[in-house]
Amino acid sequence: MKLTKKIMAVSAAVLLAALALIAVAALAQPAAATPVMADSAIESVAVLDEASDVQPEEEQPAEESAEEGSSMTAIGAAVAIGLAAIGGAIAMGMAISKAMEGIARQPEADGKIRSSLMLGLVFIETVVIYALIVAILIMFVV
């Protein structure tokens, strides 16, 4: 029972870390810059346009900031699923190691140890799959 509690604690910590990274990546998106000009500045630009043949510079599209935001989201999702996978792999390795030690100490409890091990591994893998789903949702929804 101690092993299952440790596995669940590690899995919860990995999930919380992944969610925190996704939230940071989602909040780090830069806001689209909108140029603000005073009315007098607009009038002076109009007067200059009429007085000369010089055309005003085209405003750069907001696509650059959108691309930067989507790349930050993708990086955040990739880091989140990477940490979840690493945490899940470490937790699975620890669980299997402790189960093998338990079986070596008490071979007669082989069946109970293996069933507890399988249940713990399922819980660990479930948390990793949840992190994957959250990362995919962040990439395509945010």
C-alpha atoms as a PDB file:
ATOM      1  CA  MET A   1       0.000   0.000   0.000  1.00  0.00           C
ATOM      2  CA  LYS A   2       2.953   2.313   0.697  1.00  0.00           C
ATOM      3  CA  LEU A   3       4.187   1.851  -2.849  1.00  0.00           C
ATOM      4  CA  THR A   4       0.826   2.818  -4.340  1.00  0.00           C
ATOM      5  CA  LYS A   5       0.754   6.010  -2.264  1.00  0.00           C
ATOM      6  CA  LYS A   6       4.236   6.938  -3.453  1.00  0.00           C
ATOM      7  CA  ILE A   7       3.312   6.248  -7.065  1.00  0.00           C
ATOM      8  CA  MET A   8       0.172   8.347  -6.802  1.00  0.00           C
ATOM      9  CA  ALA A   9       2.118  11.185  -5.134  1.00  0.00           C
ATOM     10  CA  VAL A  10       4.745  11.193  -7.872  1.00  0.00           C
ATOM     11  CA  SER A  11       2.058  11.051 -10.555  1.00  0.00           C
ATOM     12  CA  ALA A  12       0.155  13.953  -8.990  1.00  0.00           C
ATOM     13  CA  ALA A  13       3.342  16.010  -8.736  1.00  0.00           C
ATOM     14  CA  VAL A  14       4.148  15.373 -12.404  1.00  0.00           C
ATOM     15  CA  LEU A  15       0.635  16.334 -13.459  1.00  0.00           C
ATOM     16  CA  LEU A  16       0.716  19.533 -11.422  1.00  0.00           C
ATOM     17  CA  ALA A  17       4.105  20.456 -12.866  1.00  0.00           C
ATOM     18  CA  ALA A  18       2.822  19.858 -16.396  1.00  0.00           C
ATOM     19  CA  LEU A  19      -0.270  21.962 -15.767  1.00  0.00           C
ATOM     20  CA  ALA A  20       1.858  24.760 -14.299  1.00  0.00           C
ATOM     21  CA  LEU A  21       4.108  24.761 -17.367  1.00  0.00           C
ATOM     22  CA  ILE A  22       1.133  24.841 -19.688  1.00  0.00           C
ATOM     23  CA  ALA A  23      -0.392  27.736 -17.756  1.00  0.00           C
ATOM     24  CA  VAL A  24       2.889  29.663 -17.907  1.00  0.00           C
ATOM     25  CA  ALA A  25       3.158  29.056 -21.652  1.00  0.00           C
ATOM     26  CA  ALA A  26      -0.430  30.169 -22.181  1.00  0.00           C
ATOM     27  CA  LEU A  27       0.057  33.334 -20.148  1.00  0.00           C
ATOM     28  CA  ALA A  28       3.364  34.178 -21.827  1.00  0.00           C
ATOM     29  CA  GLN A  29       1.719  34.902 -25.165  1.00  0.00           C
ATOM     30  CA  PRO A  30       2.386  38.511 -26.152  1.00  0.00           C
ATOM     31  CA  ALA A  31      -0.606  40.716 -26.795  1.00  0.00           C
ATOM     32  CA  ALA A  32      -1.076  41.982 -30.323  1.00  0.00           C
ATOM     33  CA  ALA A  33       0.247  45.513 -30.571  1.00  0.00           C
ATOM     34  CA  THR A  34      -2.245  48.047 -31.875  1.00  0.00           C
ATOM     35  CA  PRO A  35      -0.782  51.374 -32.883  1.00  0.00           C
ATOM     36  CA  VAL A  36      -2.408  54.332 -31.190  1.00  0.00           C
ATOM     37  CA  MET A  37      -2.104  57.723 -32.896  1.00  0.00           C
ATOM     38  CA  ALA A  38      -3.493  61.035 -31.806  1.00  0.00           C
ATOM     39  CA  ASP A  39      -5.909  62.853 -34.116  1.00  0.00           C
ATOM     40  CA  SER A  40      -3.353  65.598 -34.747  1.00  0.00           C
ATOM     41  CA  ALA A  41      -0.797  62.993 -35.830  1.00  0.00           C
ATOM     42  CA  ILE A  42      -3.296  61.477 -38.260  1.00  0.00           C
ATOM     43  CA  GLU A  43      -4.084  64.922 -39.697  1.00  0.00           C
ATOM     44  CA  SER A  44      -0.378  65.741 -40.131  1.00  0.00           C
ATOM     45  CA  VAL A  45       0.172  62.446 -41.936  1.00  0.00           C
ATOM     46  CA  ALA A  46      -2.760  63.256 -44.235  1.00  0.00           C
ATOM     47  CA  VAL A  47      -1.326  66.718 -44.961  1.00  0.00           C
ATOM     48  CA  LEU A  48       2.069  65.237 -45.723  1.00  0.00           C
ATOM     49  CA  ASP A  49       0.469  62.705 -48.068  1.00  0.00           C
ATOM     50  CA  GLU A  50      -1.245  65.438 -50.009  1.00  0.00           C
ATOM     51  CA  ALA A  51       1.864  67.627 -50.166  1.00  0.00           C
ATOM     52  CA  SER A  52       4.191  64.948 -51.452  1.00  0.00           C
ATOM     53  CA  ASP A  53       4.021  61.744 -53.358  1.00  0.00           C
ATOM     54  CA  VAL A  54       5.529  59.804 -50.454  1.00  0.00           C
ATOM     55  CA  GLN A  55       3.299  56.991 -49.371  1.00  0.00           C
ATOM     56  CA  PRO A  56       3.106  56.070 -45.658  1.00  0.00           C
ATOM     57  CA  GLU A  57       4.681  52.802 -44.598  1.00  0.00           C
ATOM     58  CA  GLU A  58       2.415  49.831 -44.520  1.00  0.00           C
ATOM     59  CA  GLU A  59       1.626  48.499 -41.063  1.00  0.00           C
ATOM     60  CA  GLN A  60       3.135  45.137 -40.384  1.00  0.00           C
ATOM     61  CA  PRO A  61       0.505  42.459 -40.014  1.00  0.00           C
ATOM     62  CA  ALA A  62      -0.168  40.986 -36.595  1.00  0.00           C
ATOM     63  CA  GLU A  63       0.698  37.534 -37.936  1.00  0.00           C
ATOM     64  CA  GLU A  64       4.223  37.748 -36.529  1.00  0.00           C
ATOM     65  CA  SER A  65       2.989  38.077 -32.949  1.00  0.00           C
ATOM     66  CA  ALA A  66       0.416  35.330 -33.544  1.00  0.00           C
ATOM     67  CA  GLU A  67       3.143  33.021 -34.850  1.00  0.00           C
ATOM     68  CA  GLU A  68       5.306  33.838 -31.834  1.00  0.00           C
ATOM     69  CA  GLY A  69       2.409  33.073 -29.478  1.00  0.00           C
ATOM     70  CA  SER A  70       1.638  29.774 -31.153  1.00  0.00           C
ATOM     71  CA  SER A  71       5.283  28.761 -31.033  1.00  0.00           C
ATOM     72  CA  MET A  72       5.382  29.545 -27.301  1.00  0.00           C
ATOM     73  CA  THR A  73       2.268  27.421 -26.821  1.00  0.00           C
ATOM     74  CA  ALA A  74       3.858  24.561 -28.749  1.00  0.00           C
ATOM     75  CA  ILE A  75       7.040  24.808 -26.690  1.00  0.00           C
ATOM     76  CA  GLY A  76       5.031  24.831 -23.459  1.00  0.00           C
ATOM     77  CA  ALA A  77       3.025  21.797 -24.532  1.00  0.00           C
ATOM     78  CA  ALA A  78       6.172  19.943 -25.588  1.00  0.00           C
ATOM     79  CA  VAL A  79       7.901  20.673 -22.290  1.00  0.00           C
ATOM     80  CA  ALA A  80       4.790  19.628 -20.354  1.00  0.00           C
ATOM     81  CA  ILE A  81       4.421  16.277 -22.070  1.00  0.00           C
ATOM     82  CA  GLY A  82       8.183  15.719 -21.873  1.00  0.00           C
ATOM     83  CA  LEU A  83       8.184  16.253 -18.120  1.00  0.00           C
ATOM     84  CA  ALA A  84       5.118  14.064 -17.718  1.00  0.00           C
ATOM     85  CA  ALA A  85       6.775  11.279 -19.719  1.00  0.00           C
ATOM     86  CA  ILE A  86      10.010  11.540 -17.748  1.00  0.00           C
ATOM     87  CA  GLY A  87       8.146  11.585 -14.438  1.00  0.00           C
ATOM     88  CA  GLY A  88       6.020   8.623 -15.498  1.00  0.00           C
ATOM     89  CA  ALA A  89       9.079   6.653 -16.591  1.00  0.00           C
ATOM     90  CA  ILE A  90      10.867   7.329 -13.309  1.00  0.00           C
ATOM     91  CA  ALA A  91       7.778   6.374 -11.294  1.00  0.00           C
ATOM     92  CA  MET A  92       7.314   3.168 -13.294  1.00  0.00           C
ATOM     93  CA  GLY A  93      10.969   2.243 -12.828  1.00  0.00           C
ATOM     94  CA  MET A  94      10.732   2.802  -9.079  1.00  0.00           C
ATOM     95  CA  ALA A  95       7.516   0.770  -8.852  1.00  0.00           C
ATOM     96  CA  ILE A  96       8.922  -2.154 -10.809  1.00  0.00           C
ATOM     97  CA  SER A  97      12.135  -2.083  -8.782  1.00  0.00           C
ATOM     98  CA  LYS A  98      10.288  -2.173  -5.472  1.00  0.00           C
ATOM     99  CA  ALA A  99       7.958  -4.902  -6.707  1.00  0.00           C
ATOM    100  CA  MET A 100      10.894  -7.077  -7.732  1.00  0.00           C
ATOM    101  CA  GLU A 101      12.520  -6.497  -4.338  1.00  0.00           C
ATOM    102  CA  GLY A 102       9.263  -7.514  -2.633  1.00  0.00           C
ATOM    103  CA  ILE A 103       8.945 -10.661  -4.728  1.00  0.00           C
ATOM    104  CA  ALA A 104      12.574 -11.546  -3.967  1.00  0.00           C
ATOM    105  CA  ARG A 105      11.930 -11.183  -0.225  1.00  0.00           C
ATOM    106  CA  GLN A 106       8.577 -12.999  -0.168  1.00  0.00           C
ATOM    107  CA  PRO A 107       8.128 -15.282  -3.170  1.00  0.00           C
ATOM    108  CA  GLU A 108       4.845 -16.612  -1.755  1.00  0.00           C
ATOM    109  CA  ALA A 109       3.255 -13.125  -2.132  1.00  0.00           C
ATOM    110  CA  ASP A 110       4.067 -13.066  -5.847  1.00  0.00           C
ATOM    111  CA  GLY A 111       0.468 -12.803  -7.080  1.00  0.00           C
ATOM    112  CA  LYS A 112      -0.566  -9.999  -4.739  1.00  0.00           C
ATOM    113  CA  ILE A 113       2.566  -7.972  -5.477  1.00  0.00           C
ATOM    114  CA  ARG A 114       2.139  -8.299  -9.234  1.00  0.00           C
ATOM    115  CA  SER A 115      -1.524  -7.292  -9.151  1.00  0.00           C
ATOM    116  CA  SER A 116      -0.682  -4.233  -7.039  1.00  0.00           C
ATOM    117  CA  LEU A 117       2.166  -3.428  -9.415  1.00  0.00           C
ATOM    118  CA  MET A 118      -0.096  -3.593 -12.455  1.00  0.00           C
ATOM    119  CA  LEU A 119      -2.689  -1.372 -10.798  1.00  0.00           C
ATOM    120  CA  GLY A 120      -0.002   1.177  -9.903  1.00  0.00           C
ATOM    121  CA  LEU A 121       1.439   1.128 -13.424  1.00  0.00           C
ATOM    122  CA  VAL A 122      -2.034   1.745 -14.863  1.00  0.00           C
ATOM    123  CA  PHE A 123      -2.458   4.789 -12.610  1.00  0.00           C
ATOM    124  CA  ILE A 124       0.934   6.162 -13.636  1.00  0.00           C
ATOM    125  CA  GLU A 125       0.226   5.681 -17.334  1.00  0.00           C
ATOM    126  CA  THR A 126      -3.191   7.306 -16.921  1.00  0.00           C
ATOM    127  CA  VAL A 127      -1.615  10.470 -15.540  1.00  0.00           C
ATOM    128  CA  VAL A 128       0.841  10.589 -18.453  1.00  0.00           C
ATOM    129  CA  ILE A 129      -2.020  10.187 -20.940  1.00  0.00           C
ATOM    130  CA  TYR A 130      -3.945  12.985 -19.185  1.00  0.00           C
ATOM    131  CA  ALA A 131      -0.886  15.224 -19.532  1.00  0.00           C
ATOM    132  CA  LEU A 132      -0.721  14.358 -23.243  1.00  0.00           C
ATOM    133  CA  ILE A 133      -4.394  15.245 -23.708  1.00  0.00           C
ATOM    134  CA  VAL A 134      -3.961  18.545 -21.866  1.00  0.00           C
ATOM    135  CA  ALA A 135      -0.906  19.383 -23.974  1.00  0.00           C
ATOM    136  CA  ILE A 136      -2.797  18.649 -27.197  1.00  0.00           C
ATOM    137  CA  LEU A 137      -5.734  20.754 -26.034  1.00  0.00           C
ATOM    138  CA  ILE A 138      -3.429  23.642 -25.201  1.00  0.00           C
ATOM    139  CA  MET A 139      -1.778  23.449 -28.622  1.00  0.00           C
ATOM    140  CA  PHE A 140      -4.990  23.419 -30.617  1.00  0.00           C
ATOM    141  CA  VAL A 141      -7.424  25.387 -28.443  1.00  0.00           C
ATOM    142  CA  VAL A 142      -5.326  28.199 -27.006  1.00  0.00           C
END
